[in-house]
Amino acid sequence: MAGLLLRFVVSRFKDKRFIICFVAIGVLLLIVTAPLIGILPILIPLPIIAAFLLALAVRAIWAGIGSAAIVATGSARVKELAEEMPQLAEFEKRRTALVGMRLIFFLAAIALAVLGAVVAHIFGITAAIIVAFIVYFAVINPKANTLRSDFKEVVVLDELCRVFEDVKYNSSERISSAEVDSLGLFRRYDLYSGDDLIEARRGDIRFSRSDINLSIEHVSEDEDGNTTTSYERVFGGSVLRFEQDET
């Protein structure tokens, strides 16, 4: 669990926009809470944690506004596609509703954090944001995952069947590690994962593809003999395998 949390935190700092949000909010919170921290230096981690959580919220709103703009500017194209694919219209309604729900939620979370700051300073901010994110991952995030899965199962699969034959699609499966090894593309990896497996045929050519992630495990030991395990991703993307039927 701690390893997953650490990887999540590290991944956020690869996003330049998130870094901008984190630094700006962090500086502001440190200035606001400086008098309290001067009395109790042990509280220094709290504004940093609060800044991280608030930066996540602001970054999500930033992405949501971008999605809303895309919906607005691309509405004509969406209507055109909806006439050709009726099921797409329903998914677009669900997606637009989800974007709105996210925006409303994060605005409410920020308002709650401000209220918490007024009532209980940094403790109130931290508590409010933690509660907000628990609600987000318990309610809104599952809706997003369900929408993504349903879209792939219905729209993507339908379009694939228009072009290819013998189509099989499984959002949770992947090309086997044995097949990846047979390609001879990767010399070494310790951790293998993936999803979105598609198997199909076009004429006498069969193919399979999936998204995969390969990582190498690194184990380090400090002076006290404590070991730390970390993972370095060596590949993340799509792999395709083609095979011609014997005639």
Protein backbone atom coordinates (compact mmCIF):
# COMPACT_ATOMS: atom_id res chain seq x y z
CA MET A 1 0.00 0.00 0.00
CA ALA A 2 2.80 2.40 0.93
CA GLY A 3 4.57 1.59 -2.34
CA LEU A 4 1.47 2.38 -4.40
CA LEU A 5 0.99 5.67 -2.54
CA LEU A 6 4.65 6.61 -3.10
CA ARG A 7 4.39 5.85 -6.83
CA PHE A 8 1.22 7.95 -7.07
CA VAL A 9 2.88 10.92 -5.35
CA VAL A 10 5.99 10.64 -7.57
CA SER A 11 3.85 10.41 -10.72
CA ARG A 12 2.08 13.69 -9.87
CA PHE A 13 5.39 15.55 -9.82
CA LYS A 14 5.99 14.56 -13.44
CA ASP A 15 3.10 16.85 -14.40
CA LYS A 16 4.36 20.43 -14.89
CA ARG A 17 0.92 21.94 -14.32
CA PHE A 18 0.57 20.07 -11.05
CA ILE A 19 3.99 21.36 -9.93
CA ILE A 20 2.88 24.94 -10.66
CA CYS A 21 -0.28 24.45 -8.57
CA PHE A 22 1.62 22.74 -5.74
CA VAL A 23 4.33 25.41 -5.46
CA ALA A 24 1.87 28.33 -5.60
CA ILE A 25 -0.52 26.83 -3.04
CA GLY A 26 2.33 25.58 -0.84
CA VAL A 27 3.95 29.02 -0.59
CA LEU A 28 0.58 30.62 0.20
CA LEU A 29 -0.23 28.09 2.94
CA LEU A 30 3.22 28.38 4.49
CA ILE A 31 2.83 32.17 4.66
CA VAL A 32 -0.66 31.90 6.19
CA THR A 33 0.35 29.26 8.75
CA ALA A 34 3.79 30.73 9.59
CA PRO A 35 2.68 32.12 13.00
CA LEU A 36 1.25 28.75 14.05
CA ILE A 37 4.27 26.82 12.76
CA GLY A 38 6.55 29.24 14.65
CA ILE A 39 4.89 28.08 17.87
CA LEU A 40 4.64 24.40 16.92
CA PRO A 41 7.32 23.50 14.32
CA ILE A 42 6.09 19.89 14.33
CA LEU A 43 3.12 21.06 12.21
CA ILE A 44 5.30 21.86 9.16
CA PRO A 45 4.17 18.70 7.24
CA LEU A 46 0.49 19.69 7.49
CA PRO A 47 0.56 22.68 5.08
CA ILE A 48 2.67 20.62 2.67
CA ILE A 49 0.13 17.78 2.74
CA ALA A 50 -2.72 20.26 2.37
CA ALA A 51 -0.92 21.92 -0.56
CA PHE A 52 -0.52 18.55 -2.27
CA LEU A 53 -4.21 17.68 -1.89
CA LEU A 54 -5.35 21.15 -2.96
CA ALA A 55 -3.02 21.00 -5.99
CA LEU A 56 -4.68 17.73 -6.98
CA ALA A 57 -8.07 19.45 -6.79
CA VAL A 58 -6.97 22.51 -8.77
CA ARG A 59 -5.27 20.34 -11.39
CA ALA A 60 -8.45 18.28 -11.79
CA ILE A 61 -10.50 21.48 -12.24
CA TRP A 62 -7.94 22.67 -14.79
CA ALA A 63 -8.38 19.41 -16.72
CA GLY A 64 -12.16 19.59 -16.33
CA ILE A 65 -12.30 23.10 -17.80
CA GLY A 66 -10.25 21.86 -20.74
CA SER A 67 -12.64 18.95 -21.24
CA ALA A 68 -15.63 21.30 -21.07
CA ALA A 69 -14.04 23.52 -23.73
CA ILE A 70 -13.50 20.52 -25.97
CA VAL A 71 -17.13 19.53 -25.52
CA ALA A 72 -18.27 23.05 -26.43
CA THR A 73 -16.02 23.48 -29.47
CA GLY A 74 -16.56 19.96 -30.73
CA SER A 75 -20.33 19.77 -30.24
CA ALA A 76 -21.08 19.99 -33.97
CA ARG A 77 -18.78 17.07 -34.70
CA VAL A 78 -20.27 15.08 -31.83
CA LYS A 79 -23.79 15.59 -33.23
CA GLU A 80 -22.61 14.47 -36.64
CA LEU A 81 -21.06 11.30 -35.22
CA ALA A 82 -24.14 10.68 -33.05
CA GLU A 83 -26.29 10.46 -36.19
CA GLU A 84 -24.03 7.69 -37.47
CA MET A 85 -23.64 6.00 -34.06
CA PRO A 86 -26.74 6.49 -31.85
CA GLN A 87 -25.03 4.87 -28.84
CA LEU A 88 -22.34 7.55 -28.95
CA ALA A 89 -24.88 10.27 -28.09
CA GLU A 90 -25.74 8.53 -24.83
CA PHE A 91 -22.09 8.20 -23.87
CA GLU A 92 -21.48 11.86 -24.68
CA LYS A 93 -24.33 12.85 -22.34
CA ARG A 94 -22.84 10.70 -19.58
CA ARG A 95 -19.35 12.11 -20.17
CA THR A 96 -20.54 15.73 -20.15
CA ALA A 97 -22.49 15.08 -16.94
CA LEU A 98 -19.37 13.57 -15.36
CA VAL A 99 -17.27 16.61 -16.31
CA GLY A 100 -19.86 18.89 -14.68
CA MET A 101 -20.02 16.67 -11.60
CA ARG A 102 -16.25 16.83 -11.19
CA LEU A 103 -16.18 20.62 -11.48
CA ILE A 104 -18.97 21.05 -8.95
CA PHE A 105 -17.34 18.59 -6.58
CA PHE A 106 -13.92 20.23 -6.61
CA LEU A 107 -15.37 23.72 -6.25
CA ALA A 108 -17.31 22.43 -3.23
CA ALA A 109 -14.12 20.82 -1.90
CA ILE A 110 -12.23 24.10 -2.13
CA ALA A 111 -15.10 25.94 -0.43
CA LEU A 112 -15.07 23.32 2.33
CA ALA A 113 -11.29 23.73 2.71
CA VAL A 114 -11.66 27.52 3.02
CA LEU A 115 -14.38 27.05 5.65
CA GLY A 116 -12.13 24.60 7.47
CA ALA A 117 -9.30 27.14 7.41
CA VAL A 118 -11.54 29.79 8.98
CA VAL A 119 -12.82 27.45 11.68
CA ALA A 120 -9.72 25.41 12.56
CA HIS A 121 -6.84 26.81 10.47
CA ILE A 122 -4.50 24.20 8.97
CA PHE A 123 -6.20 21.31 10.80
CA GLY A 124 -9.51 22.27 9.24
CA ILE A 125 -7.99 22.52 5.75
CA THR A 126 -6.36 19.10 6.01
CA ALA A 127 -9.43 17.39 7.45
CA ALA A 128 -11.77 18.95 4.87
CA ILE A 129 -9.61 17.95 1.90
CA ILE A 130 -9.05 14.41 3.18
CA VAL A 131 -12.82 13.93 3.58
CA ALA A 132 -13.43 15.41 0.13
CA PHE A 133 -11.00 13.05 -1.56
CA ILE A 134 -12.41 10.02 0.24
CA VAL A 135 -15.82 10.97 -1.15
CA TYR A 136 -14.33 11.54 -4.61
CA PHE A 137 -12.65 8.15 -4.84
CA ALA A 138 -15.68 6.42 -3.35
CA VAL A 139 -18.36 8.06 -5.53
CA ILE A 140 -17.12 9.95 -8.60
CA ASN A 141 -14.06 7.91 -9.55
CA PRO A 142 -16.05 4.64 -9.88
CA LYS A 143 -18.49 6.44 -12.21
CA ALA A 144 -15.57 7.52 -14.42
CA ASN A 145 -14.17 3.98 -14.50
CA THR A 146 -17.58 2.54 -15.39
CA LEU A 147 -18.07 5.07 -18.20
CA ARG A 148 -14.62 4.32 -19.61
CA SER A 149 -15.21 0.57 -19.49
CA ASP A 150 -18.70 0.80 -21.02
CA PHE A 151 -17.42 3.02 -23.85
CA LYS A 152 -14.75 0.50 -24.77
CA GLU A 153 -17.13 -2.45 -24.56
CA VAL A 154 -19.85 -0.85 -26.71
CA VAL A 155 -18.51 1.87 -29.02
CA VAL A 156 -14.94 0.65 -29.59
CA LEU A 157 -15.95 -2.97 -30.04
CA ASP A 158 -18.71 -2.02 -32.49
CA GLU A 159 -16.28 -0.01 -34.62
CA LEU A 160 -13.71 -2.80 -34.61
CA CYS A 161 -16.32 -5.27 -35.84
CA ARG A 162 -17.01 -3.01 -38.81
CA VAL A 163 -13.41 -3.36 -40.01
CA PHE A 164 -12.12 -6.71 -38.74
CA GLU A 165 -13.36 -10.28 -38.40
CA ASP A 166 -13.43 -12.62 -35.40
CA VAL A 167 -13.00 -9.67 -33.04
CA LYS A 168 -12.46 -10.36 -29.35
CA TYR A 169 -12.01 -7.55 -26.87
CA ASN A 170 -11.34 -7.71 -23.13
CA SER A 171 -10.61 -4.51 -21.24
CA SER A 172 -8.97 -6.32 -18.32
CA GLU A 173 -6.79 -8.82 -20.22
CA ARG A 174 -3.44 -8.36 -21.97
CA ILE A 175 -1.02 -10.10 -24.29
CA SER A 176 0.68 -12.83 -22.28
CA SER A 177 4.20 -12.29 -21.02
CA ALA A 178 5.27 -15.38 -22.99
CA GLU A 179 4.12 -13.71 -26.24
CA VAL A 180 5.94 -10.51 -25.30
CA ASP A 181 9.10 -12.51 -24.60
CA SER A 182 8.81 -14.24 -27.99
CA LEU A 183 8.99 -10.84 -29.71
CA GLY A 184 12.52 -10.34 -28.36
CA LEU A 185 11.99 -6.61 -27.80
CA PHE A 186 12.79 -6.43 -24.09
CA ARG A 187 15.85 -7.95 -22.47
CA ARG A 188 14.71 -7.78 -18.87
CA TYR A 189 11.75 -6.82 -16.71
CA ASP A 190 10.47 -7.88 -13.29
CA LEU A 191 6.93 -6.52 -13.18
CA TYR A 192 4.43 -7.03 -16.00
CA SER A 193 0.93 -5.58 -16.30
CA GLY A 194 -1.45 -4.48 -19.01
CA ASP A 195 -5.01 -4.27 -20.31
CA ASP A 196 -7.21 -3.62 -23.36
CA LEU A 197 -6.53 -6.86 -25.23
CA ILE A 198 -7.85 -6.94 -28.80
CA GLU A 199 -7.66 -10.05 -30.97
CA ALA A 200 -8.96 -10.00 -34.53
CA ARG A 201 -8.39 -11.10 -38.10
CA ARG A 202 -8.20 -9.26 -41.41
CA GLY A 203 -8.08 -11.66 -44.33
CA ASP A 204 -5.36 -14.22 -43.58
CA ILE A 205 -3.61 -11.98 -41.06
CA ARG A 206 -4.35 -12.45 -37.37
CA PHE A 207 -3.23 -9.92 -34.84
CA SER A 208 -3.41 -9.16 -31.16
CA ARG A 209 -2.62 -5.96 -29.32
CA SER A 210 -2.78 -4.63 -25.80
CA ASP A 211 -1.39 -1.91 -23.60
CA ILE A 212 1.43 -3.15 -21.38
CA ASN A 213 3.71 -1.78 -18.68
CA LEU A 214 7.11 -3.30 -17.91
CA SER A 215 9.15 -2.35 -14.85
CA ILE A 216 12.49 -3.34 -13.34
CA GLU A 217 12.74 -3.86 -9.60
CA HIS A 218 15.52 -2.13 -7.66
CA VAL A 219 16.30 -3.08 -4.06
CA SER A 220 18.55 -0.80 -2.00
CA GLU A 221 19.84 -1.19 1.55
CA ASP A 222 20.78 1.58 3.98
CA GLU A 223 23.46 1.57 6.69
CA ASP A 224 21.04 0.06 9.22
CA GLY A 225 20.22 -2.88 6.96
CA ASN A 226 16.74 -1.64 6.03
CA THR A 227 15.80 -2.45 2.44
CA THR A 228 13.76 -0.29 0.10
CA THR A 229 12.15 -1.59 -3.08
CA SER A 230 11.44 0.70 -6.02
CA TYR A 231 10.36 0.12 -9.60
CA GLU A 232 11.65 1.75 -12.77
CA ARG A 233 9.33 1.60 -15.76
CA VAL A 234 11.21 0.55 -18.88
CA PHE A 235 8.24 0.48 -21.23
CA GLY A 236 4.67 1.71 -21.25
CA GLY A 237 2.59 1.57 -24.41
CA SER A 238 0.94 -0.67 -26.98
CA VAL A 239 2.35 -3.92 -28.34
CA LEU A 240 1.04 -5.55 -31.52
CA ARG A 241 1.68 -9.11 -32.67
CA PHE A 242 0.88 -10.24 -36.24
CA GLU A 243 0.63 -13.78 -37.51
CA GLN A 244 -0.24 -15.02 -41.01
CA ASP A 245 -2.49 -18.06 -41.36
CA GLU A 246 -0.90 -20.99 -43.10
CA THR A 247 -2.32 -21.66 -46.55
